[in-house]
Amino acid sequence: MAKGKNKTKEGSSTRGNHSRGSNGHHSKQNHKSAEFKHHQTHTSNKFPAKLAMWDFDHCDPKRCSGKKLERLGIITSLRVGQKFQGIVVSPNGKSVVCPDDLAIVEEFGASVVECSWARLDEVPFHKIGGKHERLLPYLVAANQVNYGRPWRLNCVEALAACFAIVGRMDWATQLLENFSWGLSFLKINAELLELYQKCTDSESVKKAEEAWLEKLEQETQERKQQSLDEDLWMMGNVNRMNKLGLDDSDEEDEDEEEEDDNVKYDALGNIIESEETQEHVRYDSLGNVIEEEDEQEEREVRYDSLGNVIEEEEEEEEEEEEEEEEEVRYDSLGNIIE
């Protein structure tokens, strides 16, 4: 029975070994992997130029354009230490991509460094790259992460920019069509790309870039000046307003100073009239101003002890009575002394 058991185990192990391949996997798995490799090799040939990248896994795999190109089989991932013979779009480049690089791109292709702009210090640039490392001139990003920001191009935008500058707009379009936002990159940079395509070497591209940046700076200053002028227009002529305001204020100040010189105040802060005013203006007991005519009338009109107006005749009689009283004398008993 022991032999039978051993034979059974040997037979089962033999059948198990026949069902597995040399790599230890089942034949079905080997068949699937072979199909995947065949599919990957087949899809990698559908782009007319050779594409490669050094991927440092800094980006989100769902948003990484390089990883999407790799999944589509369009681009090949290189190891650290490998070099690339074609154009290497890298922040470590010394010159910019130019139309003269067309022959290199068509023969050897282009590659990029797939990394985060915030983590460039972590990239070992001395271990990657190649003979033809290039920078990209001024361009504006259209990707969903850095839309509208200059210089912040992602992997597919960098490759498309390289193809467009050397004159292969067909390759740039074919590459960007794999992304919903891709073709907008060519639209927002259309004028710039046409400008770079008219150049020849790196120096001419660099001069075109500098001229474009100067133009942008000038337009920015003009917009600021225009907005400032519009604000001033809404406020009116500020210079005229200031001038009129200053003139009016100066006149008012001069008038006030003249008035201050003429007016005097007592200890309680009351206005002290000038001597001339005091001579001409008079007041009655109730504080009313006495006019000249009233003053004459006041001098002419007299009143008795009961407040009645004394006429001229009555006044004469009173004067006579007063004279008579002065002439009449009385003794101690009240009798008139003749």
C-alpha atoms as a PDB file:
ATOM      1  CA  MET A   1       0.000   0.000   0.000  1.00  0.00           C
ATOM      2  CA  ALA A   2       2.865   2.226   0.682  1.00  0.00           C
ATOM      3  CA  LYS A   3       4.117   1.744  -2.853  1.00  0.00           C
ATOM      4  CA  GLY A   4       0.707   2.451  -4.223  1.00  0.00           C
ATOM      5  CA  LYS A   5       0.528   5.659  -2.270  1.00  0.00           C
ATOM      6  CA  ASN A   6       3.936   6.665  -3.457  1.00  0.00           C
ATOM      7  CA  LYS A   7       3.018   5.930  -7.046  1.00  0.00           C
ATOM      8  CA  THR A   8      -0.125   7.959  -6.667  1.00  0.00           C
ATOM      9  CA  LYS A   9       1.838  10.911  -5.302  1.00  0.00           C
ATOM     10  CA  GLU A  10       4.452  10.603  -8.011  1.00  0.00           C
ATOM     11  CA  GLY A  11       1.776  10.426 -10.677  1.00  0.00           C
ATOM     12  CA  SER A  12      -0.022  13.436  -9.315  1.00  0.00           C
ATOM     13  CA  SER A  13       3.223  15.385  -9.017  1.00  0.00           C
ATOM     14  CA  THR A  14       4.126  14.438 -12.569  1.00  0.00           C
ATOM     15  CA  ARG A  15       0.783  15.669 -13.828  1.00  0.00           C
ATOM     16  CA  GLY A  16       1.201  18.839 -11.826  1.00  0.00           C
ATOM     17  CA  ASN A  17       4.612  19.486 -13.329  1.00  0.00           C
ATOM     18  CA  HIS A  18       3.281  18.970 -16.852  1.00  0.00           C
ATOM     19  CA  SER A  19       0.569  21.615 -16.164  1.00  0.00           C
ATOM     20  CA  ARG A  20       3.150  24.247 -15.178  1.00  0.00           C
ATOM     21  CA  GLY A  21       5.685  26.004 -17.325  1.00  0.00           C
ATOM     22  CA  SER A  22       9.402  26.547 -16.788  1.00  0.00           C
ATOM     23  CA  ASN A  23       8.759  29.689 -14.815  1.00  0.00           C
ATOM     24  CA  GLY A  24       6.535  27.843 -12.326  1.00  0.00           C
ATOM     25  CA  HIS A  25       3.256  29.373 -13.571  1.00  0.00           C
ATOM     26  CA  HIS A  26       0.317  27.501 -15.057  1.00  0.00           C
ATOM     27  CA  SER A  27       0.093  27.290 -18.820  1.00  0.00           C
ATOM     28  CA  LYS A  28      -2.986  29.528 -18.856  1.00  0.00           C
ATOM     29  CA  GLN A  29      -1.099  32.299 -17.073  1.00  0.00           C
ATOM     30  CA  ASN A  30       1.830  31.924 -19.458  1.00  0.00           C
ATOM     31  CA  HIS A  31      -0.547  32.161 -22.388  1.00  0.00           C
ATOM     32  CA  LYS A  32      -2.118  35.356 -21.002  1.00  0.00           C
ATOM     33  CA  SER A  33       1.257  36.932 -20.330  1.00  0.00           C
ATOM     34  CA  ALA A  34       2.396  36.040 -23.829  1.00  0.00           C
ATOM     35  CA  GLU A  35      -0.715  37.659 -25.244  1.00  0.00           C
ATOM     36  CA  PHE A  36      -0.083  40.785 -23.145  1.00  0.00           C
ATOM     37  CA  LYS A  37       3.528  41.034 -24.330  1.00  0.00           C
ATOM     38  CA  HIS A  38       2.425  40.563 -27.901  1.00  0.00           C
ATOM     39  CA  HIS A  39      -0.246  43.208 -27.456  1.00  0.00           C
ATOM     40  CA  GLN A  40       2.270  45.576 -25.821  1.00  0.00           C
ATOM     41  CA  THR A  41       4.792  45.056 -28.605  1.00  0.00           C
ATOM     42  CA  HIS A  42       2.122  45.529 -31.215  1.00  0.00           C
ATOM     43  CA  THR A  43       0.784  48.778 -29.720  1.00  0.00           C
ATOM     44  CA  SER A  44       4.277  50.210 -29.199  1.00  0.00           C
ATOM     45  CA  ASN A  45       4.768  50.205 -32.964  1.00  0.00           C
ATOM     46  CA  LYS A  46       1.731  52.336 -33.741  1.00  0.00           C
ATOM     47  CA  PHE A  47       3.545  55.640 -33.024  1.00  0.00           C
ATOM     48  CA  PRO A  48       5.996  56.571 -35.790  1.00  0.00           C
ATOM     49  CA  ALA A  49       8.775  57.852 -33.475  1.00  0.00           C
ATOM     50  CA  LYS A  50      10.596  56.246 -30.585  1.00  0.00           C
ATOM     51  CA  LEU A  51       9.461  57.595 -27.208  1.00  0.00           C
ATOM     52  CA  ALA A  52      11.013  56.960 -23.789  1.00  0.00           C
ATOM     53  CA  MET A  53      10.884  58.316 -20.241  1.00  0.00           C
ATOM     54  CA  TRP A  54      12.518  58.015 -16.842  1.00  0.00           C
ATOM     55  CA  ASP A  55       9.641  57.630 -14.379  1.00  0.00           C
ATOM     56  CA  PHE A  56      10.336  58.526 -10.714  1.00  0.00           C
ATOM     57  CA  ASP A  57       6.745  57.916  -9.499  1.00  0.00           C
ATOM     58  CA  HIS A  58       6.317  61.469  -8.211  1.00  0.00           C
ATOM     59  CA  CYS A  59       2.911  62.004  -9.813  1.00  0.00           C
ATOM     60  CA  ASP A  60      -0.534  60.574  -9.201  1.00  0.00           C
ATOM     61  CA  PRO A  61      -0.826  57.494 -11.483  1.00  0.00           C
ATOM     62  CA  LYS A  62      -4.390  58.469 -12.412  1.00  0.00           C
ATOM     63  CA  ARG A  63      -3.308  61.923 -13.608  1.00  0.00           C
ATOM     64  CA  CYS A  64       0.182  61.102 -14.864  1.00  0.00           C
ATOM     65  CA  SER A  65       0.271  61.522 -18.644  1.00  0.00           C
ATOM     66  CA  GLY A  66       3.480  59.488 -18.923  1.00  0.00           C
ATOM     67  CA  LYS A  67       1.924  56.488 -17.226  1.00  0.00           C
ATOM     68  CA  LYS A  68      -1.088  56.699 -19.529  1.00  0.00           C
ATOM     69  CA  LEU A  69       1.192  56.671 -22.571  1.00  0.00           C
ATOM     70  CA  GLU A  70       2.958  53.670 -21.070  1.00  0.00           C
ATOM     71  CA  ARG A  71      -0.348  51.851 -20.564  1.00  0.00           C
ATOM     72  CA  LEU A  72      -1.205  52.580 -24.192  1.00  0.00           C
ATOM     73  CA  GLY A  73       2.128  51.140 -25.234  1.00  0.00           C
ATOM     74  CA  ILE A  74       3.267  54.371 -26.876  1.00  0.00           C
ATOM     75  CA  ILE A  75       6.233  55.115 -24.606  1.00  0.00           C
ATOM     76  CA  THR A  76       8.971  52.961 -23.049  1.00  0.00           C
ATOM     77  CA  SER A  77      10.113  53.349 -19.448  1.00  0.00           C
ATOM     78  CA  LEU A  78      13.894  53.537 -18.910  1.00  0.00           C
ATOM     79  CA  ARG A  79      15.882  52.583 -15.812  1.00  0.00           C
ATOM     80  CA  VAL A  80      18.145  54.981 -13.931  1.00  0.00           C
ATOM     81  CA  GLY A  81      21.569  54.591 -15.507  1.00  0.00           C
ATOM     82  CA  GLN A  82      20.249  54.129 -19.046  1.00  0.00           C
ATOM     83  CA  LYS A  83      21.025  56.764 -21.655  1.00  0.00           C
ATOM     84  CA  PHE A  84      18.941  57.860 -24.643  1.00  0.00           C
ATOM     85  CA  GLN A  85      20.309  58.664 -28.101  1.00  0.00           C
ATOM     86  CA  GLY A  86      17.525  61.012 -29.217  1.00  0.00           C
ATOM     87  CA  ILE A  87      16.400  64.392 -27.879  1.00  0.00           C
ATOM     88  CA  VAL A  88      16.088  64.408 -24.086  1.00  0.00           C
ATOM     89  CA  VAL A  89      13.658  67.089 -22.875  1.00  0.00           C
ATOM     90  CA  SER A  90      15.039  67.777 -19.409  1.00  0.00           C
ATOM     91  CA  PRO A  91      15.392  70.665 -16.922  1.00  0.00           C
ATOM     92  CA  ASN A  92      19.082  69.768 -16.961  1.00  0.00           C
ATOM     93  CA  GLY A  93      19.465  70.846 -20.622  1.00  0.00           C
ATOM     94  CA  LYS A  94      21.745  73.689 -21.684  1.00  0.00           C
ATOM     95  CA  SER A  95      20.099  74.713 -24.983  1.00  0.00           C
ATOM     96  CA  VAL A  96      16.490  74.842 -26.198  1.00  0.00           C
ATOM     97  CA  VAL A  97      14.765  72.619 -28.731  1.00  0.00           C
ATOM     98  CA  CYS A  98      15.039  74.088 -32.252  1.00  0.00           C
ATOM     99  CA  PRO A  99      14.048  73.160 -35.838  1.00  0.00           C
ATOM    100  CA  ASP A 100      17.621  71.976 -36.456  1.00  0.00           C
ATOM    101  CA  ASP A 101      16.876  69.000 -34.139  1.00  0.00           C
ATOM    102  CA  LEU A 102      14.460  67.492 -36.678  1.00  0.00           C
ATOM    103  CA  ALA A 103      16.943  64.908 -38.005  1.00  0.00           C
ATOM    104  CA  ILE A 104      17.744  63.657 -34.472  1.00  0.00           C
ATOM    105  CA  VAL A 105      14.049  63.378 -33.581  1.00  0.00           C
ATOM    106  CA  GLU A 106      13.132  61.489 -36.740  1.00  0.00           C
ATOM    107  CA  GLU A 107      16.024  59.037 -36.392  1.00  0.00           C
ATOM    108  CA  PHE A 108      16.266  58.462 -32.635  1.00  0.00           C
ATOM    109  CA  GLY A 109      13.025  59.885 -31.208  1.00  0.00           C
ATOM    110  CA  ALA A 110      12.491  61.918 -28.026  1.00  0.00           C
ATOM    111  CA  SER A 111      12.385  61.258 -24.306  1.00  0.00           C
ATOM    112  CA  VAL A 112      11.309  63.076 -21.142  1.00  0.00           C
ATOM    113  CA  VAL A 113      11.917  62.969 -17.393  1.00  0.00           C
ATOM    114  CA  GLU A 114       8.638  62.108 -15.658  1.00  0.00           C
ATOM    115  CA  CYS A 115       8.931  63.814 -12.265  1.00  0.00           C
ATOM    116  CA  SER A 116       7.323  66.510 -10.127  1.00  0.00           C
ATOM    117  CA  TRP A 117       8.365  70.139 -10.558  1.00  0.00           C
ATOM    118  CA  ALA A 118       8.429  70.439  -6.758  1.00  0.00           C
ATOM    119  CA  ARG A 119      10.880  67.508  -6.363  1.00  0.00           C
ATOM    120  CA  LEU A 120      13.527  68.202  -8.994  1.00  0.00           C
ATOM    121  CA  ASP A 121      16.246  68.002  -6.330  1.00  0.00           C
ATOM    122  CA  GLU A 122      15.509  64.298  -5.896  1.00  0.00           C
ATOM    123  CA  VAL A 123      16.184  63.429  -9.561  1.00  0.00           C
ATOM    124  CA  PRO A 124      19.696  62.015 -10.270  1.00  0.00           C
ATOM    125  CA  PHE A 125      20.209  63.901 -13.546  1.00  0.00           C
ATOM    126  CA  HIS A 126      23.851  62.733 -13.751  1.00  0.00           C
ATOM    127  CA  LYS A 127      22.637  59.132 -14.137  1.00  0.00           C
ATOM    128  CA  ILE A 128      20.046  59.782 -16.851  1.00  0.00           C
ATOM    129  CA  GLY A 129      19.808  61.781 -20.083  1.00  0.00           C
ATOM    130  CA  GLY A 130      21.995  61.605 -23.160  1.00  0.00           C
ATOM    131  CA  LYS A 131      24.040  63.608 -25.654  1.00  0.00           C
ATOM    132  CA  HIS A 132      21.164  65.800 -26.825  1.00  0.00           C
ATOM    133  CA  GLU A 133      19.585  67.233 -23.663  1.00  0.00           C
ATOM    134  CA  ARG A 134      17.272  70.164 -24.402  1.00  0.00           C
ATOM    135  CA  LEU A 135      15.190  72.760 -22.614  1.00  0.00           C
ATOM    136  CA  LEU A 136      11.806  73.940 -23.894  1.00  0.00           C
ATOM    137  CA  PRO A 137      11.200  77.640 -24.674  1.00  0.00           C
ATOM    138  CA  TYR A 138       8.343  79.626 -23.166  1.00  0.00           C
ATOM    139  CA  LEU A 139       5.031  77.766 -23.523  1.00  0.00           C
ATOM    140  CA  VAL A 140       1.798  77.684 -21.525  1.00  0.00           C
ATOM    141  CA  ALA A 141       0.434  74.478 -20.004  1.00  0.00           C
ATOM    142  CA  ALA A 142      -3.037  73.213 -20.910  1.00  0.00           C
ATOM    143  CA  ASN A 143      -3.172  70.143 -18.652  1.00  0.00           C
ATOM    144  CA  GLN A 144      -5.749  69.879 -15.896  1.00  0.00           C
ATOM    145  CA  VAL A 145      -3.232  70.381 -13.067  1.00  0.00           C
ATOM    146  CA  ASN A 146      -1.344  73.471 -14.269  1.00  0.00           C
ATOM    147  CA  TYR A 147      -3.697  74.973 -16.862  1.00  0.00           C
ATOM    148  CA  GLY A 148      -2.660  78.470 -17.948  1.00  0.00           C
ATOM    149  CA  ARG A 149       0.675  78.406 -16.125  1.00  0.00           C
ATOM    150  CA  PRO A 150       3.836  79.015 -18.188  1.00  0.00           C
ATOM    151  CA  TRP A 151       6.678  76.460 -18.144  1.00  0.00           C
ATOM    152  CA  ARG A 152       4.621  73.889 -16.175  1.00  0.00           C
ATOM    153  CA  LEU A 153       4.202  71.342 -18.990  1.00  0.00           C
ATOM    154  CA  ASN A 154       3.587  67.676 -18.215  1.00  0.00           C
ATOM    155  CA  CYS A 155       5.122  64.681 -19.961  1.00  0.00           C
ATOM    156  CA  VAL A 156       2.908  64.495 -23.066  1.00  0.00           C
ATOM    157  CA  GLU A 157       2.919  68.297 -23.515  1.00  0.00           C
ATOM    158  CA  ALA A 158       6.741  68.335 -23.431  1.00  0.00           C
ATOM    159  CA  LEU A 159       6.952  65.643 -26.112  1.00  0.00           C
ATOM    160  CA  ALA A 160       4.296  67.324 -28.257  1.00  0.00           C
ATOM    161  CA  ALA A 161       6.100  70.681 -27.929  1.00  0.00           C
ATOM    162  CA  CYS A 162       9.337  69.063 -29.071  1.00  0.00           C
ATOM    163  CA  PHE A 163       7.645  67.573 -32.146  1.00  0.00           C
ATOM    164  CA  ALA A 164       5.824  70.827 -32.977  1.00  0.00           C
ATOM    165  CA  ILE A 165       8.960  73.005 -32.759  1.00  0.00           C
ATOM    166  CA  VAL A 166      10.977  70.758 -35.071  1.00  0.00           C
ATOM    167  CA  GLY A 167       8.091  70.867 -37.549  1.00  0.00           C
ATOM    168  CA  ARG A 168       6.299  67.540 -36.939  1.00  0.00           C
ATOM    169  CA  MET A 169       2.883  68.918 -36.067  1.00  0.00           C
ATOM    170  CA  ASP A 170       1.341  65.645 -37.229  1.00  0.00           C
ATOM    171  CA  TRP A 171       3.202  63.727 -34.518  1.00  0.00           C
ATOM    172  CA  ALA A 172       2.287  66.323 -31.873  1.00  0.00           C
ATOM    173  CA  THR A 173      -1.394  66.098 -32.830  1.00  0.00           C
ATOM    174  CA  GLN A 174      -1.366  62.296 -32.896  1.00  0.00           C
ATOM    175  CA  LEU A 175       0.191  62.172 -29.427  1.00  0.00           C
ATOM    176  CA  LEU A 176      -2.179  64.723 -27.851  1.00  0.00           C
ATOM    177  CA  GLU A 177      -5.312  63.109 -29.273  1.00  0.00           C
ATOM    178  CA  ASN A 178      -5.027  60.468 -26.539  1.00  0.00           C
ATOM    179  CA  PHE A 179      -6.132  63.124 -23.993  1.00  0.00           C
ATOM    180  CA  SER A 180      -9.435  64.990 -23.869  1.00  0.00           C
ATOM    181  CA  TRP A 181      -7.700  68.323 -23.220  1.00  0.00           C
ATOM    182  CA  GLY A 182      -4.658  67.570 -25.423  1.00  0.00           C
ATOM    183  CA  LEU A 183      -5.398  69.566 -28.572  1.00  0.00           C
ATOM    184  CA  SER A 184      -6.075  72.710 -26.548  1.00  0.00           C
ATOM    185  CA  PHE A 185      -2.326  72.800 -25.849  1.00  0.00           C
ATOM    186  CA  LEU A 186      -1.676  73.416 -29.548  1.00  0.00           C
ATOM    187  CA  LYS A 187      -4.441  76.032 -29.744  1.00  0.00           C
ATOM    188  CA  ILE A 188      -3.333  78.247 -26.869  1.00  0.00           C
ATOM    189  CA  ASN A 189       0.302  78.060 -28.020  1.00  0.00           C
ATOM    190  CA  ALA A 190      -0.370  78.268 -31.785  1.00  0.00           C
ATOM    191  CA  GLU A 191       1.192  81.724 -32.272  1.00  0.00           C
ATOM    192  CA  LEU A 192       4.256  80.835 -30.217  1.00  0.00           C
ATOM    193  CA  LEU A 193       4.826  77.515 -31.966  1.00  0.00           C
ATOM    194  CA  GLU A 194       4.629  79.193 -35.375  1.00  0.00           C
ATOM    195  CA  LEU A 195       7.176  81.742 -34.184  1.00  0.00           C
ATOM    196  CA  TYR A 196       9.591  79.019 -33.019  1.00  0.00           C
ATOM    197  CA  GLN A 197       9.143  77.008 -36.238  1.00  0.00           C
ATOM    198  CA  LYS A 198      10.441  79.976 -38.263  1.00  0.00           C
ATOM    199  CA  CYS A 199      13.730  79.872 -36.350  1.00  0.00           C
ATOM    200  CA  THR A 200      16.707  77.646 -37.099  1.00  0.00           C
ATOM    201  CA  ASP A 201      19.076  77.039 -34.191  1.00  0.00           C
ATOM    202  CA  SER A 202      18.802  77.335 -30.413  1.00  0.00           C
ATOM    203  CA  GLU A 203      20.036  80.930 -30.355  1.00  0.00           C
ATOM    204  CA  SER A 204      17.358  82.158 -32.744  1.00  0.00           C
ATOM    205  CA  VAL A 205      14.653  80.352 -30.720  1.00  0.00           C
ATOM    206  CA  LYS A 206      15.999  81.961 -27.556  1.00  0.00           C
ATOM    207  CA  LYS A 207      15.873  85.425 -29.137  1.00  0.00           C
ATOM    208  CA  ALA A 208      12.298  84.819 -30.287  1.00  0.00           C
ATOM    209  CA  GLU A 209      11.405  83.768 -26.744  1.00  0.00           C
ATOM    210  CA  GLU A 210      12.972  86.916 -25.240  1.00  0.00           C
ATOM    211  CA  ALA A 211      11.136  89.131 -27.736  1.00  0.00           C
ATOM    212  CA  TRP A 212       7.857  87.431 -26.832  1.00  0.00           C
ATOM    213  CA  LEU A 213       8.455  87.907 -23.098  1.00  0.00           C
ATOM    214  CA  GLU A 214       9.260  91.599 -23.645  1.00  0.00           C
ATOM    215  CA  LYS A 215       6.018  91.939 -25.592  1.00  0.00           C
ATOM    216  CA  LEU A 216       4.075  90.333 -22.736  1.00  0.00           C
ATOM    217  CA  GLU A 217       5.704  92.669 -20.225  1.00  0.00           C
ATOM    218  CA  GLN A 218       4.851  95.702 -22.346  1.00  0.00           C
ATOM    219  CA  GLU A 219       1.223  94.580 -22.730  1.00  0.00           C
ATOM    220  CA  THR A 220       1.011  94.057 -18.973  1.00  0.00           C
ATOM    221  CA  GLN A 221       2.242  97.585 -18.298  1.00  0.00           C
ATOM    222  CA  GLU A 222      -0.182  99.023 -20.866  1.00  0.00           C
ATOM    223  CA  ARG A 223      -3.110  97.203 -19.243  1.00  0.00           C
ATOM    224  CA  LYS A 224      -2.113  98.548 -15.846  1.00  0.00           C
ATOM    225  CA  GLN A 225      -1.858 102.091 -17.228  1.00  0.00           C
ATOM    226  CA  GLN A 226      -5.189 101.728 -19.008  1.00  0.00           C
ATOM    227  CA  SER A 227      -6.933 100.536 -15.850  1.00  0.00           C
ATOM    228  CA  LEU A 228      -5.369 103.452 -13.948  1.00  0.00           C
ATOM    229  CA  ASP A 229      -6.553 105.930 -16.594  1.00  0.00           C
ATOM    230  CA  GLU A 230     -10.070 104.487 -16.466  1.00  0.00           C
ATOM    231  CA  ASP A 231     -10.129 104.895 -12.698  1.00  0.00           C
ATOM    232  CA  LEU A 232      -8.996 108.514 -13.018  1.00  0.00           C
ATOM    233  CA  TRP A 233     -11.620 109.141 -15.687  1.00  0.00           C
ATOM    234  CA  MET A 234     -14.312 107.855 -13.339  1.00  0.00           C
ATOM    235  CA  MET A 235     -13.061 110.233 -10.654  1.00  0.00           C
ATOM    236  CA  GLY A 236     -12.800 113.218 -13.004  1.00  0.00           C
ATOM    237  CA  ASN A 237      -9.832 115.494 -13.653  1.00  0.00           C
ATOM    238  CA  VAL A 238      -7.916 115.038 -10.429  1.00  0.00           C
ATOM    239  CA  ASN A 239      -5.307 117.674 -11.285  1.00  0.00           C
ATOM    240  CA  ARG A 240      -7.982 120.277 -11.999  1.00  0.00           C
ATOM    241  CA  MET A 241      -9.906 119.319  -8.884  1.00  0.00           C
ATOM    242  CA  ASN A 242      -6.787 119.587  -6.762  1.00  0.00           C
ATOM    243  CA  LYS A 243      -5.857 122.918  -8.320  1.00  0.00           C
ATOM    244  CA  LEU A 244      -9.320 124.384  -7.809  1.00  0.00           C
ATOM    245  CA  GLY A 245      -9.493 122.941  -4.356  1.00  0.00           C
ATOM    246  CA  LEU A 246      -6.141 124.406  -3.410  1.00  0.00           C
ATOM    247  CA  ASP A 247      -7.020 127.837  -4.871  1.00  0.00           C
ATOM    248  CA  ASP A 248     -10.360 127.933  -3.064  1.00  0.00           C
ATOM    249  CA  SER A 249      -8.818 126.792   0.164  1.00  0.00           C
ATOM    250  CA  ASP A 250      -6.054 129.404  -0.166  1.00  0.00           C
ATOM    251  CA  GLU A 251      -8.608 132.178  -0.700  1.00  0.00           C
ATOM    252  CA  GLU A 252     -10.674 130.983   2.220  1.00  0.00           C
ATOM    253  CA  ASP A 253      -7.600 130.826   4.414  1.00  0.00           C
ATOM    254  CA  GLU A 254      -6.623 134.376   3.407  1.00  0.00           C
ATOM    255  CA  ASP A 255     -10.148 135.655   4.129  1.00  0.00           C
ATOM    256  CA  GLU A 256     -10.161 133.900   7.467  1.00  0.00           C
ATOM    257  CA  GLU A 257      -6.774 135.363   8.325  1.00  0.00           C
ATOM    258  CA  GLU A 258      -8.009 138.863   7.442  1.00  0.00           C
ATOM    259  CA  GLU A 259     -11.118 138.348   9.527  1.00  0.00           C
ATOM    260  CA  ASP A 260      -9.035 137.020  12.399  1.00  0.00           C
ATOM    261  CA  ASP A 261      -6.840 140.106  12.223  1.00  0.00           C
ATOM    262  CA  ASN A 262      -9.858 142.477  12.449  1.00  0.00           C
ATOM    263  CA  VAL A 263     -11.827 140.583  15.097  1.00  0.00           C
ATOM    264  CA  LYS A 264     -10.758 140.614  18.766  1.00  0.00           C
ATOM    265  CA  TYR A 265     -12.045 138.508  21.638  1.00  0.00           C
ATOM    266  CA  ASP A 266     -12.340 139.090  25.377  1.00  0.00           C
ATOM    267  CA  ALA A 267     -11.356 136.605  28.116  1.00  0.00           C
ATOM    268  CA  LEU A 268     -14.679 134.765  27.772  1.00  0.00           C
ATOM    269  CA  GLY A 269     -14.318 134.398  24.010  1.00  0.00           C
ATOM    270  CA  ASN A 270     -16.837 137.103  23.128  1.00  0.00           C
ATOM    271  CA  ILE A 271     -16.119 139.304  20.139  1.00  0.00           C
ATOM    272  CA  ILE A 272     -14.843 142.727  21.088  1.00  0.00           C
ATOM    273  CA  GLU A 273     -16.125 145.331  18.701  1.00  0.00           C
ATOM    274  CA  SER A 274     -13.613 147.807  17.346  1.00  0.00           C
ATOM    275  CA  GLU A 275     -13.541 151.375  18.640  1.00  0.00           C
ATOM    276  CA  GLU A 276     -14.981 152.669  15.425  1.00  0.00           C
ATOM    277  CA  THR A 277     -17.894 150.286  15.670  1.00  0.00           C
ATOM    278  CA  GLN A 278     -18.354 151.121  19.334  1.00  0.00           C
ATOM    279  CA  GLU A 279     -18.481 154.850  18.503  1.00  0.00           C
ATOM    280  CA  HIS A 280     -21.068 154.464  15.763  1.00  0.00           C
ATOM    281  CA  VAL A 281     -23.228 151.715  17.248  1.00  0.00           C
ATOM    282  CA  ARG A 282     -25.127 152.261  20.521  1.00  0.00           C
ATOM    283  CA  TYR A 283     -27.494 150.041  22.439  1.00  0.00           C
ATOM    284  CA  ASP A 284     -30.437 150.787  24.737  1.00  0.00           C
ATOM    285  CA  SER A 285     -31.047 149.210  28.159  1.00  0.00           C
ATOM    286  CA  LEU A 286     -32.667 146.178  26.525  1.00  0.00           C
ATOM    287  CA  GLY A 287     -29.665 145.544  24.192  1.00  0.00           C
ATOM    288  CA  ASN A 288     -31.320 146.881  21.059  1.00  0.00           C
ATOM    289  CA  VAL A 289     -29.246 148.866  18.590  1.00  0.00           C
ATOM    290  CA  ILE A 290     -30.061 152.544  18.717  1.00  0.00           C
ATOM    291  CA  GLU A 291     -30.144 154.167  15.308  1.00  0.00           C
ATOM    292  CA  GLU A 292     -29.163 157.817  14.876  1.00  0.00           C
ATOM    293  CA  GLU A 293     -32.747 158.962  14.329  1.00  0.00           C
ATOM    294  CA  ASP A 294     -33.913 156.964  17.330  1.00  0.00           C
ATOM    295  CA  GLU A 295     -31.138 158.518  19.356  1.00  0.00           C
ATOM    296  CA  GLN A 296     -32.257 161.991  18.426  1.00  0.00           C
ATOM    297  CA  GLU A 297     -35.834 161.066  19.221  1.00  0.00           C
ATOM    298  CA  GLU A 298     -34.709 159.603  22.518  1.00  0.00           C
ATOM    299  CA  ARG A 299     -32.924 162.811  23.313  1.00  0.00           C
ATOM    300  CA  GLU A 300     -35.985 164.934  22.410  1.00  0.00           C
ATOM    301  CA  VAL A 301     -38.624 162.735  24.083  1.00  0.00           C
ATOM    302  CA  ARG A 302     -38.840 162.796  27.908  1.00  0.00           C
ATOM    303  CA  TYR A 303     -40.879 160.749  30.309  1.00  0.00           C
ATOM    304  CA  ASP A 304     -42.407 161.566  33.757  1.00  0.00           C
ATOM    305  CA  SER A 305     -42.146 159.368  36.849  1.00  0.00           C
ATOM    306  CA  LEU A 306     -45.105 157.260  35.687  1.00  0.00           C
ATOM    307  CA  GLY A 307     -43.524 156.600  32.234  1.00  0.00           C
ATOM    308  CA  ASN A 308     -45.734 159.011  30.340  1.00  0.00           C
ATOM    309  CA  VAL A 309     -44.302 161.074  27.533  1.00  0.00           C
ATOM    310  CA  ILE A 310     -43.801 164.675  28.551  1.00  0.00           C
ATOM    311  CA  GLU A 311     -44.840 167.067  25.830  1.00  0.00           C
ATOM    312  CA  GLU A 312     -42.955 170.279  25.270  1.00  0.00           C
ATOM    313  CA  GLU A 313     -45.689 172.501  26.891  1.00  0.00           C
ATOM    314  CA  GLU A 314     -45.958 170.242  29.907  1.00  0.00           C
ATOM    315  CA  GLU A 315     -42.207 170.243  30.096  1.00  0.00           C
ATOM    316  CA  GLU A 316     -42.182 174.063  30.170  1.00  0.00           C
ATOM    317  CA  GLU A 317     -44.884 174.095  32.903  1.00  0.00           C
ATOM    318  CA  GLU A 318     -42.874 171.645  34.942  1.00  0.00           C
ATOM    319  CA  GLU A 319     -39.854 173.805  34.567  1.00  0.00           C
ATOM    320  CA  GLU A 320     -41.878 176.817  35.726  1.00  0.00           C
ATOM    321  CA  GLU A 321     -43.275 174.824  38.679  1.00  0.00           C
ATOM    322  CA  GLU A 322     -39.790 173.727  39.576  1.00  0.00           C
ATOM    323  CA  GLU A 323     -38.687 177.366  39.435  1.00  0.00           C
ATOM    324  CA  GLU A 324     -41.654 178.360  41.598  1.00  0.00           C
ATOM    325  CA  GLU A 325     -40.892 175.586  44.063  1.00  0.00           C
ATOM    326  CA  GLU A 326     -37.380 176.857  44.212  1.00  0.00           C
ATOM    327  CA  GLU A 327     -38.659 180.400  44.975  1.00  0.00           C
ATOM    328  CA  VAL A 328     -41.280 179.313  47.588  1.00  0.00           C
ATOM    329  CA  ARG A 329     -39.944 178.642  51.098  1.00  0.00           C
ATOM    330  CA  TYR A 330     -41.642 177.073  54.136  1.00  0.00           C
ATOM    331  CA  ASP A 331     -41.122 177.443  57.903  1.00  0.00           C
ATOM    332  CA  SER A 332     -40.939 174.659  60.447  1.00  0.00           C
ATOM    333  CA  LEU A 333     -44.700 174.531  60.726  1.00  0.00           C
ATOM    334  CA  GLY A 334     -45.156 174.212  56.993  1.00  0.00           C
ATOM    335  CA  ASN A 335     -46.271 177.736  56.398  1.00  0.00           C
ATOM    336  CA  ILE A 336     -45.128 179.600  53.326  1.00  0.00           C
ATOM    337  CA  ILE A 337     -42.561 182.138  53.988  1.00  0.00           C
ATOM    338  CA  GLU A 338     -43.324 185.180  51.939  1.00  0.00           C
END
